[in-house]
Amino acid sequence: MTGYCSHKLNLKLMCVAVIALTPVPLILSGFYPANADLSSTTERYYGSVYNNDALVPCGYVITAMVGATKVGETTTDSQGRYGYSPVFEISASPGQIVNFFINDHPTIQKAVFQGGVSTKLNLSAYGAASQMPSTSCSACSSSYGTACSTSACGITPTTLPSATVGTPYSTDLNAHGGITPYTWSITSGSLPAGLTLDSTLGVIKGVPTSPKLYSFTIQVNDSASNYLTLATCILVSAAVSSSQSTGIQTTTQTAAVTSNFLGTEEALDVSGNTLIAAKELINGDKRVSLSLAAGTVMQLQGRSLIGAGNESNPPAAADGSVCVRSYSFTPAGATFSPAATMTLTYVTPLPPGLAESGLYIAYWNGSDWIKLASTVNTAAKEVSASVSHFTIFAIRGVPESAAQASASSTSSNTAASSGSSPVTTSSSAATADSAQAFAFSDLSVTPATVSPDQKVTISVRVINSGASETTGDVVLKIDGKNETQKSVTLAAGKSQTVEFTISKSTSGKYMVGIGGLSEILKVDGDAGSEQTQRIPSEVIVGLVCLGGLLIAIVLLRDIFRHRS
């Protein structure tokens, strides 16, 4: 009787186990809640969004692209997230590379489309534009200096530095958000006599000629017909006479001067505008340094912070030179007397055709790159030059092919002017000339390490920095040799991501180059063996549950056998 009761209890336990395991087949058959309504061509993405290592506010636009095709778009919520509410689903084919953009700026992350799943993917970018505010405000009143909130205006600075008659003046305007390129204009009032506004760069510069408080309204338009206005003013003071001046006229700093070079902050020992002790400003990894001598007179446009940051989209050059590294120094227009020594580092291998000995530092003057007398230290991988003002600076070089072409062009023109036969330009040369308006950024190799014959996606951002629509070839080079190319047509100021898919059968390191940018592709024969195949957790759970069901069946059979 006791044995029968024990078997009866075991029978009840087995029934409970069977009932508990009943949902498992449903899970395995596709009714997993997160993926219940997803097909093999649909995938959900969600996560947090970061710009410059900080969570973005509500309203940032997240775009997903497969090649040149937009496959999805959503916005961030108040917690800086996307894909939670509403859900963010895209459709593509398994294996395709999905590129993500934050306000039209590429993210560091990419994804390989799987389909039928929900994927958590935090997105991050550096330098993505904020959303263009829809309001305008005033930064000047009759008493001068009543400034509005920077976040409300979307144009900075809201209060412009004062000026002095006869003293060179320059200040940069910046728009927060929108789709570049921007167009700047004065819609009411007027700038001080002697000053002009660069409509493309947003720089007010010149030499004031008349003392007065000048009020005016600045308007900036982006390429999507959005615009912002800012009512502001510049106070121009009379020049200081020689009897009043005790030396070089300066504008005393209103606060202690500090620096921020690529995240490394330091304080400068300054009295008025004069540096008391010599100082070398250098960032943490020693990519950028600026040596200032004691007694240097600094005109900082009324600012108290000088800095250097990466310039991700340097202007294109018309002389065939290639940008190796580029940095933006602020405040633009700041001057140093005597000149400071700037040292920038580089890494090898260099872009194809460049020699270390031919590198130099150049600065952007608003329309051209100006080459500086430079010193190259190949042992330390450094290039140095004397600079007396701040703007965009870059290490540049001219590839041997471009230098030869320039020499050939010069000799041909000389021959033509001396009565020789006219020179005929080939169609390939014309294409190369038209493509000079293209600038390149955000070169990526995905994945960067592969096994032989594994497909690799190489993408680059192409920008038409010219003033008209341009058609040209985007050439992919591997170890300095042309691998393949694609023809691209872009309207003025527009950009496009171009992708190439390649594979290499031989193990080794390959230098991938497009438009002067370069990345390393590593083909490793052991890469495939290192990548173990992950068994989905649903399959593991299913196998365990199936084993439990089999055990339950065997026990039930034994119970009924003993009972009979």
Protein backbone atom coordinates (compact mmCIF):
# COMPACT_ATOMS: atom_id res chain seq x y z
CA MET A 1 0.00 0.00 0.00
CA THR A 2 2.87 2.36 0.85
CA GLY A 3 4.56 1.63 -2.47
CA TYR A 4 1.31 2.37 -4.31
CA CYS A 5 0.96 5.76 -2.59
CA SER A 6 4.56 6.56 -3.39
CA HIS A 7 3.95 5.76 -7.04
CA LYS A 8 0.78 7.85 -6.97
CA LEU A 9 2.76 10.82 -5.60
CA ASN A 10 5.41 10.37 -8.28
CA LEU A 11 2.66 10.29 -10.91
CA LYS A 12 1.32 13.64 -9.70
CA LEU A 13 4.82 15.15 -9.73
CA MET A 14 5.37 13.99 -13.27
CA CYS A 15 2.08 15.50 -14.38
CA VAL A 16 3.08 18.81 -12.85
CA ALA A 17 6.43 18.64 -14.67
CA VAL A 18 4.71 17.92 -17.98
CA ILE A 19 2.36 20.87 -17.50
CA ALA A 20 5.30 23.17 -16.59
CA LEU A 21 7.24 22.10 -19.68
CA THR A 22 4.32 22.53 -22.07
CA PRO A 23 5.21 26.20 -23.04
CA VAL A 24 8.72 25.18 -24.16
CA PRO A 25 7.68 23.94 -27.61
CA LEU A 26 5.79 27.20 -28.07
CA ILE A 27 8.95 29.18 -27.32
CA LEU A 28 10.96 27.07 -29.73
CA SER A 29 8.30 27.39 -32.43
CA GLY A 30 8.64 31.20 -32.57
CA PHE A 31 6.31 32.61 -29.92
CA TYR A 32 9.08 34.23 -27.92
CA PRO A 33 7.50 37.56 -26.85
CA ALA A 34 10.28 39.90 -28.03
CA ASN A 35 10.43 38.38 -31.51
CA ALA A 36 6.88 37.13 -31.93
CA ASP A 37 5.99 39.43 -34.83
CA LEU A 38 9.39 39.64 -36.55
CA SER A 39 10.12 37.96 -39.86
CA SER A 40 13.50 36.91 -41.20
CA THR A 41 13.72 40.22 -43.08
CA THR A 42 12.85 42.44 -40.09
CA GLU A 43 15.01 43.32 -37.11
CA ARG A 44 14.46 45.61 -34.15
CA TYR A 45 17.18 47.83 -32.71
CA TYR A 46 17.14 49.74 -29.44
CA GLY A 47 19.55 51.32 -26.97
CA SER A 48 21.02 54.57 -25.67
CA VAL A 49 22.49 57.33 -27.85
CA TYR A 50 25.65 59.29 -27.02
CA ASN A 51 27.23 62.33 -28.67
CA ASN A 52 30.68 63.38 -27.45
CA ASP A 53 30.36 60.79 -24.65
CA ALA A 54 27.16 62.37 -23.28
CA LEU A 55 23.57 61.17 -23.55
CA VAL A 56 21.71 63.15 -26.18
CA PRO A 57 18.47 65.01 -25.40
CA CYS A 58 15.04 64.25 -26.78
CA GLY A 59 14.45 64.66 -30.50
CA TYR A 60 17.75 63.58 -32.06
CA VAL A 61 17.16 61.82 -35.38
CA ILE A 62 18.47 58.25 -35.71
CA THR A 63 18.72 56.98 -39.28
CA ALA A 64 19.58 53.48 -40.50
CA MET A 65 21.12 53.05 -43.96
CA VAL A 66 21.99 49.99 -46.02
CA GLY A 67 24.31 51.31 -48.67
CA ALA A 68 22.70 54.44 -50.07
CA THR A 69 19.17 53.30 -49.10
CA LYS A 70 17.44 54.60 -45.98
CA VAL A 71 15.78 51.64 -44.24
CA GLY A 72 14.51 53.30 -41.08
CA GLU A 73 14.34 56.52 -39.07
CA THR A 74 13.28 57.36 -35.52
CA THR A 75 13.99 59.92 -32.77
CA THR A 76 15.37 59.73 -29.25
CA ASP A 77 13.17 59.99 -26.19
CA SER A 78 13.61 62.16 -23.08
CA GLN A 79 16.10 59.64 -21.67
CA GLY A 80 18.38 59.74 -24.71
CA ARG A 81 17.20 56.34 -25.97
CA TYR A 82 15.82 55.05 -29.25
CA GLY A 83 13.70 52.05 -30.17
CA TYR A 84 11.78 51.80 -26.87
CA SER A 85 8.72 53.85 -27.72
CA PRO A 86 8.10 53.69 -30.57
CA VAL A 87 9.91 50.51 -31.58
CA PHE A 88 12.51 50.87 -34.33
CA GLU A 89 12.26 48.18 -37.00
CA ILE A 90 14.16 47.96 -40.27
CA SER A 91 13.93 45.56 -43.18
CA ALA A 92 16.97 44.21 -45.02
CA SER A 93 18.60 40.96 -46.11
CA PRO A 94 20.65 38.80 -43.71
CA GLY A 95 24.33 39.65 -43.84
CA GLN A 96 23.93 43.23 -45.06
CA ILE A 97 25.81 45.98 -43.20
CA VAL A 98 23.57 48.52 -41.45
CA ASN A 99 25.06 52.00 -40.91
CA PHE A 100 23.57 54.33 -38.31
CA PHE A 101 23.58 58.13 -38.26
CA ILE A 102 22.88 60.63 -35.48
CA ASN A 103 21.49 63.82 -37.03
CA ASP A 104 23.09 62.82 -40.35
CA HIS A 105 26.46 62.19 -38.63
CA PRO A 106 27.85 58.62 -38.84
CA THR A 107 28.08 56.61 -35.63
CA ILE A 108 31.02 54.47 -34.58
CA GLN A 109 28.80 51.38 -34.47
CA LYS A 110 27.62 49.30 -37.40
CA ALA A 111 25.53 46.12 -37.42
CA VAL A 112 25.31 42.97 -39.50
CA PHE A 113 21.61 42.42 -40.24
CA GLN A 114 20.33 39.10 -38.86
CA GLY A 115 16.54 39.31 -39.09
CA GLY A 116 13.89 37.91 -36.78
CA VAL A 117 15.54 39.23 -33.60
CA SER A 118 15.67 42.28 -31.34
CA THR A 119 19.17 43.73 -30.95
CA LYS A 120 20.33 46.11 -28.25
CA LEU A 121 22.88 48.47 -29.77
CA ASN A 122 24.05 51.64 -28.04
CA LEU A 123 25.02 54.29 -30.59
CA SER A 124 27.76 56.89 -30.17
CA ALA A 125 29.24 59.64 -32.31
CA TYR A 126 31.61 62.56 -31.94
CA GLY A 127 30.64 65.93 -33.37
CA ALA A 128 27.04 65.17 -34.34
CA ALA A 129 25.08 68.41 -34.79
CA SER A 130 22.35 69.27 -32.30
CA GLN A 131 18.82 69.81 -33.51
CA MET A 132 18.26 73.25 -35.02
CA PRO A 133 16.27 75.30 -32.46
CA SER A 134 13.16 77.03 -33.75
CA THR A 135 13.50 80.24 -31.77
CA SER A 136 15.47 83.46 -32.02
CA CYS A 137 16.38 85.99 -29.36
CA SER A 138 18.25 89.21 -28.73
CA ALA A 139 21.77 89.60 -27.42
CA CYS A 140 21.88 93.39 -27.35
CA SER A 141 19.91 96.16 -25.70
CA SER A 142 20.30 99.92 -25.56
CA SER A 143 22.49 99.45 -22.49
CA TYR A 144 24.63 96.91 -24.38
CA GLY A 145 25.49 93.46 -23.17
CA THR A 146 22.14 91.91 -22.22
CA ALA A 147 22.65 88.39 -23.57
CA CYS A 148 20.10 85.65 -24.09
CA SER A 149 20.46 81.95 -23.38
CA THR A 150 22.86 80.22 -25.76
CA SER A 151 20.73 77.06 -25.82
CA ALA A 152 17.71 79.09 -26.93
CA CYS A 153 19.51 80.98 -29.66
CA GLY A 154 21.35 78.24 -31.50
CA ILE A 155 23.94 80.83 -32.62
CA THR A 156 27.07 81.48 -30.58
CA PRO A 157 28.58 83.64 -29.33
CA THR A 158 25.49 85.64 -28.50
CA THR A 159 27.51 88.65 -27.32
CA LEU A 160 30.27 89.62 -29.74
CA PRO A 161 33.69 90.91 -28.61
CA SER A 162 34.28 94.65 -28.64
CA ALA A 163 36.49 96.20 -31.32
CA THR A 164 38.89 99.14 -31.56
CA VAL A 165 39.35 101.53 -34.46
CA GLY A 166 42.44 100.62 -36.48
CA THR A 167 42.93 97.21 -34.80
CA PRO A 168 42.33 94.03 -36.86
CA TYR A 169 39.18 92.22 -35.74
CA SER A 170 38.00 88.65 -36.29
CA THR A 171 35.38 86.51 -34.57
CA ASP A 172 33.77 83.19 -35.52
CA LEU A 173 30.00 82.57 -35.53
CA ASN A 174 28.72 79.05 -34.90
CA ALA A 175 25.30 77.52 -35.59
CA HIS A 176 24.05 74.76 -33.33
CA GLY A 177 22.38 72.17 -35.52
CA GLY A 178 20.90 72.01 -38.97
CA ILE A 179 22.21 70.46 -42.14
CA THR A 180 25.46 71.87 -43.47
CA PRO A 181 26.54 73.83 -45.38
CA TYR A 182 25.34 77.04 -43.74
CA THR A 183 24.84 80.45 -45.34
CA TRP A 184 25.32 83.56 -43.18
CA SER A 185 23.91 87.02 -43.79
CA ILE A 186 23.00 90.34 -42.14
CA THR A 187 19.23 90.86 -42.48
CA SER A 188 18.89 94.20 -40.70
CA GLY A 189 21.16 96.91 -39.35
CA SER A 190 24.81 96.97 -40.40
CA LEU A 191 28.20 95.75 -39.35
CA PRO A 192 30.77 98.30 -38.14
CA ALA A 193 32.40 100.19 -40.99
CA GLY A 194 35.42 98.23 -42.17
CA LEU A 195 34.07 94.80 -41.11
CA THR A 196 32.56 92.13 -43.38
CA LEU A 197 30.77 88.81 -42.81
CA ASP A 198 32.02 85.76 -44.72
CA SER A 199 28.74 84.15 -45.88
CA THR A 200 30.26 80.66 -46.04
CA LEU A 201 32.52 80.48 -42.99
CA GLY A 202 30.49 82.70 -40.69
CA VAL A 203 33.49 84.88 -39.78
CA ILE A 204 33.24 88.62 -39.08
CA LYS A 205 36.59 90.23 -39.83
CA GLY A 206 38.29 93.41 -40.96
CA VAL A 207 39.64 96.64 -39.47
CA PRO A 208 37.03 98.98 -37.87
CA THR A 209 37.20 102.60 -38.99
CA SER A 210 34.55 104.41 -36.94
CA PRO A 211 33.76 104.28 -33.16
CA LYS A 212 30.11 103.52 -32.46
CA LEU A 213 27.69 100.90 -31.11
CA TYR A 214 26.55 98.97 -34.19
CA SER A 215 23.38 96.87 -33.87
CA PHE A 216 22.37 94.30 -36.49
CA THR A 217 20.62 90.96 -37.00
CA ILE A 218 22.50 87.85 -38.12
CA GLN A 219 20.67 85.10 -39.98
CA VAL A 220 21.99 81.61 -40.73
CA ASN A 221 20.27 79.30 -43.24
CA ASP A 222 20.98 75.60 -43.51
CA SER A 223 20.68 73.49 -46.68
CA ALA A 224 17.20 72.26 -45.67
CA SER A 225 15.73 75.81 -45.64
CA ASN A 226 15.78 76.08 -41.83
CA TYR A 227 17.04 79.35 -40.42
CA LEU A 228 17.86 81.14 -37.18
CA THR A 229 18.28 84.81 -36.36
CA LEU A 230 20.24 86.58 -33.66
CA ALA A 231 19.99 90.30 -32.86
CA THR A 232 23.33 91.41 -31.50
CA CYS A 233 25.85 94.26 -31.70
CA ILE A 234 29.53 95.21 -31.68
CA LEU A 235 30.87 98.14 -29.68
CA VAL A 236 33.73 99.89 -31.52
CA SER A 237 35.92 102.07 -29.30
CA ALA A 238 38.17 104.91 -30.40
CA ALA A 239 41.84 104.15 -30.94
CA VAL A 240 44.23 104.83 -28.05
CA SER A 241 46.60 107.72 -28.85
CA SER A 242 50.35 107.37 -28.49
CA SER A 243 50.33 109.64 -25.42
CA GLN A 244 47.81 107.35 -23.74
CA SER A 245 49.51 104.13 -24.75
CA THR A 246 52.28 102.60 -22.69
CA GLY A 247 53.25 100.12 -25.38
CA ILE A 248 51.43 97.59 -27.52
CA GLN A 249 47.71 98.15 -27.17
CA THR A 250 45.99 95.04 -25.73
CA THR A 251 42.56 94.00 -24.61
CA THR A 252 42.92 92.83 -21.02
CA GLN A 253 41.56 89.33 -20.40
CA THR A 254 38.51 89.25 -18.15
CA ALA A 255 39.45 85.92 -16.55
CA ALA A 256 42.40 83.61 -16.03
CA VAL A 257 43.53 82.03 -19.30
CA THR A 258 43.29 78.24 -19.58
CA SER A 259 43.82 75.74 -22.37
CA ASN A 260 42.15 72.52 -23.44
CA PHE A 261 44.15 70.58 -26.03
CA LEU A 262 42.21 67.43 -26.99
CA GLY A 263 40.94 67.01 -23.44
CA THR A 264 44.14 67.99 -21.58
CA GLU A 265 43.54 71.13 -19.51
CA GLU A 266 46.20 73.53 -18.19
CA ALA A 267 46.36 77.05 -16.75
CA LEU A 268 48.52 79.84 -18.17
CA ASP A 269 50.32 82.42 -16.05
CA VAL A 270 49.12 85.62 -17.73
CA SER A 271 49.22 89.27 -16.78
CA GLY A 272 46.77 91.19 -18.96
CA ASN A 273 47.56 89.80 -22.39
CA THR A 274 51.18 88.89 -21.71
CA LEU A 275 52.41 85.40 -20.85
CA ILE A 276 54.66 85.69 -17.77
CA ALA A 277 56.44 82.31 -17.96
CA ALA A 278 57.21 80.14 -20.98
CA LYS A 279 54.64 77.39 -21.50
CA GLU A 280 54.34 74.27 -23.63
CA LEU A 281 50.72 73.23 -24.14
CA ILE A 282 50.55 69.56 -25.04
CA ASN A 283 47.77 66.97 -25.07
CA GLY A 284 47.91 63.63 -23.28
CA ASP A 285 49.14 61.46 -26.17
CA LYS A 286 51.49 64.22 -27.45
CA ARG A 287 49.76 64.54 -30.82
CA VAL A 288 49.53 68.33 -30.55
CA SER A 289 51.79 70.78 -28.77
CA LEU A 290 52.23 74.55 -28.80
CA SER A 291 55.34 76.19 -27.31
CA LEU A 292 54.91 79.79 -26.16
CA ALA A 293 57.85 81.95 -25.08
CA ALA A 294 57.82 84.12 -21.97
CA GLY A 295 56.57 87.60 -22.80
CA THR A 296 54.31 86.40 -25.63
CA VAL A 297 51.50 88.91 -26.24
CA MET A 298 48.26 87.03 -26.87
CA GLN A 299 45.22 88.62 -28.50
CA LEU A 300 42.47 86.05 -27.76
CA GLN A 301 39.45 87.90 -29.16
CA GLY A 302 38.16 88.53 -25.63
CA ARG A 303 38.17 84.80 -24.79
CA SER A 304 39.85 83.14 -21.82
CA LEU A 305 40.08 79.58 -23.18
CA ILE A 306 42.33 78.43 -25.99
CA GLY A 307 42.04 74.93 -27.36
CA ALA A 308 42.72 72.35 -30.03
CA GLY A 309 40.42 69.60 -31.24
CA ASN A 310 40.25 67.08 -34.06
CA GLU A 311 38.98 68.50 -37.36
CA SER A 312 37.00 65.58 -38.83
CA ASN A 313 36.10 67.31 -42.09
CA PRO A 314 39.01 69.50 -43.24
CA PRO A 315 38.45 71.58 -46.39
CA ALA A 316 39.61 70.04 -49.66
CA ALA A 317 42.78 71.29 -51.33
CA ALA A 318 43.05 72.43 -54.94
CA ASP A 319 46.79 71.72 -55.18
CA GLY A 320 46.53 67.92 -55.00
CA SER A 321 47.92 67.76 -51.46
CA VAL A 322 46.62 65.12 -49.06
CA CYS A 323 45.62 65.67 -45.44
CA VAL A 324 47.35 63.36 -42.97
CA ARG A 325 46.00 64.88 -39.75
CA SER A 326 43.96 68.01 -39.13
CA TYR A 327 43.14 70.05 -36.04
CA SER A 328 40.97 73.09 -35.33
CA PHE A 329 42.53 75.66 -32.99
CA THR A 330 40.33 78.11 -31.10
CA PRO A 331 39.52 80.91 -30.80
CA ALA A 332 39.93 81.40 -34.53
CA GLY A 333 41.75 84.64 -35.26
CA ALA A 334 43.72 84.67 -31.99
CA THR A 335 47.25 86.03 -32.52
CA PHE A 336 50.62 85.47 -30.84
CA SER A 337 53.66 87.76 -30.84
CA PRO A 338 56.32 86.45 -31.10
CA ALA A 339 55.17 83.42 -33.08
CA ALA A 340 54.64 80.12 -31.26
CA THR A 341 56.07 76.75 -32.30
CA MET A 342 53.45 74.18 -33.27
CA THR A 343 54.36 70.48 -33.36
CA LEU A 344 52.02 67.83 -34.76
CA THR A 345 52.69 64.08 -34.86
CA TYR A 346 51.83 61.54 -37.54
CA VAL A 347 51.78 57.76 -37.83
CA THR A 348 52.99 55.43 -40.55
CA PRO A 349 52.21 54.00 -42.99
CA LEU A 350 51.32 57.27 -44.67
CA PRO A 351 48.71 57.53 -47.44
CA PRO A 352 49.95 56.15 -50.76
CA GLY A 353 52.56 58.24 -52.54
CA LEU A 354 53.54 60.41 -49.56
CA ALA A 355 57.09 60.55 -48.26
CA GLU A 356 57.82 61.50 -44.63
CA SER A 357 60.46 63.99 -45.72
CA GLY A 358 57.89 65.84 -47.84
CA LEU A 359 55.36 66.46 -45.06
CA TYR A 360 54.58 70.00 -43.92
CA ILE A 361 52.16 72.00 -41.76
CA ALA A 362 49.61 74.16 -43.57
CA TYR A 363 46.80 76.42 -42.36
CA TRP A 364 43.41 77.19 -43.88
CA ASN A 365 42.94 80.90 -44.67
CA GLY A 366 39.27 80.62 -45.62
CA SER A 367 39.81 79.74 -49.27
CA ASP A 368 43.17 77.93 -49.61
CA TRP A 369 45.67 75.87 -47.68
CA ILE A 370 48.82 77.94 -47.01
CA LYS A 371 52.03 75.93 -46.69
CA LEU A 372 54.36 76.86 -43.80
CA ALA A 373 58.13 76.40 -43.62
CA SER A 374 58.25 73.15 -41.67
CA THR A 375 60.73 70.79 -40.05
CA VAL A 376 60.17 67.02 -40.16
CA ASN A 377 61.62 64.74 -37.45
CA THR A 378 61.20 61.27 -38.97
CA ALA A 379 62.58 59.55 -35.88
CA ALA A 380 59.97 61.13 -33.60
CA LYS A 381 57.27 61.25 -36.35
CA GLU A 382 56.82 65.01 -35.82
CA VAL A 383 56.33 68.06 -38.02
CA SER A 384 56.99 71.54 -36.58
CA ALA A 385 56.37 75.11 -37.80
CA SER A 386 56.06 78.65 -36.44
CA VAL A 387 52.51 80.00 -36.19
CA SER A 388 51.27 83.44 -35.24
CA HIS A 389 47.50 82.93 -35.30
CA PHE A 390 44.78 80.29 -34.81
CA THR A 391 42.66 78.61 -37.49
CA ILE A 392 42.57 75.06 -38.92
CA PHE A 393 46.03 73.49 -39.16
CA ALA A 394 46.98 70.17 -40.77
CA ILE A 395 49.89 67.94 -41.64
CA ARG A 396 49.76 67.65 -45.42
CA GLY A 397 51.83 66.22 -48.23
CA VAL A 398 51.77 66.03 -52.02
CA PRO A 399 51.75 62.49 -53.50
CA GLU A 400 54.49 61.78 -56.01
CA SER A 401 51.92 61.23 -58.79
CA ALA A 402 50.31 64.65 -58.14
CA ALA A 403 53.71 66.34 -58.03
CA GLN A 404 54.71 64.72 -61.32
CA ALA A 405 51.39 65.71 -62.88
CA SER A 406 51.87 69.29 -61.71
CA ALA A 407 55.37 69.38 -63.16
CA SER A 408 54.11 67.89 -66.41
CA SER A 409 51.28 70.43 -66.55
CA THR A 410 53.72 73.28 -65.95
CA SER A 411 56.06 72.12 -68.70
CA SER A 412 53.12 71.63 -71.09
CA ASN A 413 51.81 75.12 -70.41
CA THR A 414 55.27 76.54 -70.96
CA ALA A 415 55.52 74.70 -74.27
CA ALA A 416 52.10 75.97 -75.32
CA SER A 417 53.02 79.56 -74.53
CA SER A 418 56.16 79.22 -76.63
CA GLY A 419 54.22 78.22 -79.73
CA SER A 420 54.06 74.43 -79.41
CA SER A 421 51.01 72.38 -80.26
CA PRO A 422 48.04 72.86 -77.94
CA VAL A 423 47.65 70.40 -75.06
CA THR A 424 44.61 68.10 -75.12
CA THR A 425 43.16 67.12 -71.74
CA SER A 426 42.07 63.49 -71.52
CA SER A 427 38.68 62.49 -70.11
CA SER A 428 40.34 60.74 -67.18
CA ALA A 429 42.20 63.92 -66.30
CA ALA A 430 38.97 65.88 -66.49
CA THR A 431 37.35 63.39 -64.10
CA ALA A 432 40.24 63.76 -61.69
CA ASP A 433 39.92 67.54 -61.83
CA SER A 434 36.19 67.42 -61.16
CA ALA A 435 36.75 65.07 -58.22
CA GLN A 436 39.08 67.53 -56.54
CA ALA A 437 36.00 69.15 -55.02
CA PHE A 438 35.36 65.93 -53.09
CA ALA A 439 36.42 65.72 -49.45
CA PHE A 440 36.43 62.44 -47.52
CA SER A 441 35.81 61.45 -43.91
CA ASP A 442 34.80 58.52 -41.69
CA LEU A 443 36.67 55.76 -43.51
CA SER A 444 35.82 52.40 -41.90
CA VAL A 445 36.70 48.75 -42.48
CA THR A 446 34.12 46.23 -41.18
CA PRO A 447 35.27 43.88 -39.81
CA ALA A 448 38.87 44.98 -39.41
CA THR A 449 40.17 41.42 -38.87
CA VAL A 450 38.90 38.60 -41.09
CA SER A 451 39.82 35.14 -42.25
CA PRO A 452 40.97 34.54 -45.87
CA ASP A 453 38.23 35.03 -48.49
CA GLN A 454 35.86 36.54 -45.92
CA LYS A 455 33.96 39.55 -47.25
CA VAL A 456 34.85 43.01 -45.90
CA THR A 457 32.77 46.18 -46.20
CA ILE A 458 34.72 49.41 -46.67
CA SER A 459 32.78 52.66 -46.38
CA VAL A 460 33.68 56.34 -46.62
CA ARG A 461 31.78 59.60 -46.40
CA VAL A 462 32.14 61.68 -49.58
CA ILE A 463 31.44 65.43 -49.41
CA ASN A 464 31.18 67.81 -52.34
CA SER A 465 32.94 70.89 -51.00
CA GLY A 466 32.71 72.70 -54.34
CA ALA A 467 30.25 75.34 -55.46
CA SER A 468 28.47 73.24 -58.11
CA GLU A 469 27.29 69.71 -58.79
CA THR A 470 30.26 67.41 -59.37
CA THR A 471 30.70 63.93 -60.81
CA GLY A 472 33.87 62.02 -60.02
CA ASP A 473 35.31 58.62 -59.19
CA VAL A 474 35.81 57.42 -55.62
CA VAL A 475 38.86 55.17 -55.87
CA LEU A 476 39.58 52.39 -53.37
CA LYS A 477 43.28 51.60 -53.07
CA ILE A 478 44.85 48.58 -51.41
CA ASP A 479 48.53 49.01 -50.53
CA GLY A 480 48.69 52.02 -52.82
CA LYS A 481 47.28 50.27 -55.89
CA ASN A 482 43.85 50.87 -57.40
CA GLU A 483 41.51 48.06 -56.35
CA THR A 484 38.16 49.33 -57.63
CA GLN A 485 36.20 52.55 -58.01
CA LYS A 486 32.68 53.96 -58.09
CA SER A 487 31.33 57.01 -59.87
CA VAL A 488 29.51 59.51 -57.63
CA THR A 489 27.45 62.59 -58.49
CA LEU A 490 26.86 65.08 -55.68
CA ALA A 491 25.20 68.47 -55.54
CA ALA A 492 27.16 71.32 -53.98
CA GLY A 493 27.54 70.89 -50.22
CA LYS A 494 25.95 67.42 -50.19
CA SER A 495 27.47 64.20 -48.87
CA GLN A 496 27.00 60.48 -49.42
CA THR A 497 28.33 57.24 -47.94
CA VAL A 498 30.03 55.03 -50.53
CA GLU A 499 30.64 51.34 -49.83
CA PHE A 500 32.90 48.71 -51.36
CA THR A 501 32.89 44.96 -50.67
CA ILE A 502 36.15 43.06 -51.12
CA SER A 503 37.88 39.91 -49.91
CA LYS A 504 41.51 38.80 -49.71
CA SER A 505 42.73 35.21 -49.92
CA THR A 506 46.24 35.77 -48.56
CA SER A 507 46.94 36.37 -44.86
CA GLY A 508 48.66 39.63 -43.93
CA LYS A 509 48.06 43.34 -43.29
CA TYR A 510 46.64 45.52 -46.06
CA MET A 511 46.51 49.32 -46.09
CA VAL A 512 43.09 50.48 -47.27
CA GLY A 513 43.08 54.00 -48.71
CA ILE A 514 40.41 56.36 -50.08
CA GLY A 515 40.92 60.06 -50.75
CA GLY A 516 43.99 60.38 -48.53
CA LEU A 517 42.42 58.48 -45.59
CA SER A 518 43.79 55.10 -44.60
CA GLU A 519 42.91 52.16 -42.37
CA ILE A 520 44.47 48.73 -41.79
CA LEU A 521 42.75 45.47 -42.80
CA LYS A 522 44.15 42.33 -41.19
CA VAL A 523 43.60 38.97 -42.87
CA ASP A 524 44.38 36.21 -40.36
CA GLY A 525 44.33 32.54 -41.29
CA ASP A 526 43.49 31.67 -37.67
CA ALA A 527 40.70 34.23 -37.35
CA GLY A 528 38.02 31.74 -38.33
CA SER A 529 39.11 29.15 -35.77
CA GLU A 530 39.05 31.76 -33.02
CA GLN A 531 35.40 32.55 -33.68
CA THR A 532 33.43 29.80 -31.99
CA GLN A 533 29.86 29.30 -33.07
CA ARG A 534 27.48 30.42 -30.34
CA ILE A 535 24.52 28.13 -29.77
CA PRO A 536 21.37 30.22 -29.26
CA SER A 537 20.09 30.15 -25.68
CA GLU A 538 16.63 29.12 -26.91
CA VAL A 539 18.11 25.95 -28.40
CA ILE A 540 19.92 25.12 -25.15
CA VAL A 541 16.73 25.61 -23.13
CA GLY A 542 14.80 23.50 -25.61
CA LEU A 543 17.26 20.61 -25.40
CA VAL A 544 17.16 20.67 -21.59
CA CYS A 545 13.37 20.69 -21.60
CA LEU A 546 13.24 17.90 -24.16
CA GLY A 547 15.51 15.82 -21.92
CA GLY A 548 13.19 16.49 -18.98
CA LEU A 549 10.18 15.34 -20.99
CA LEU A 550 11.92 12.10 -21.93
CA ILE A 551 12.81 11.43 -18.28
CA ALA A 552 9.19 12.10 -17.27
CA ILE A 553 7.91 9.64 -19.88
CA VAL A 554 10.30 6.92 -18.67
CA LEU A 555 9.29 7.44 -15.03
CA LEU A 556 5.58 7.39 -15.91
CA ARG A 557 6.07 4.12 -17.77
CA ASP A 558 7.80 2.56 -14.73
CA ILE A 559 5.08 3.78 -12.39
CA PHE A 560 2.29 2.25 -14.45
CA ARG A 561 4.29 -0.97 -14.83
CA HIS A 562 4.71 -1.34 -11.04
CA ARG A 563 1.09 -0.42 -10.43
CA SER A 564 -0.18 -3.13 -12.78
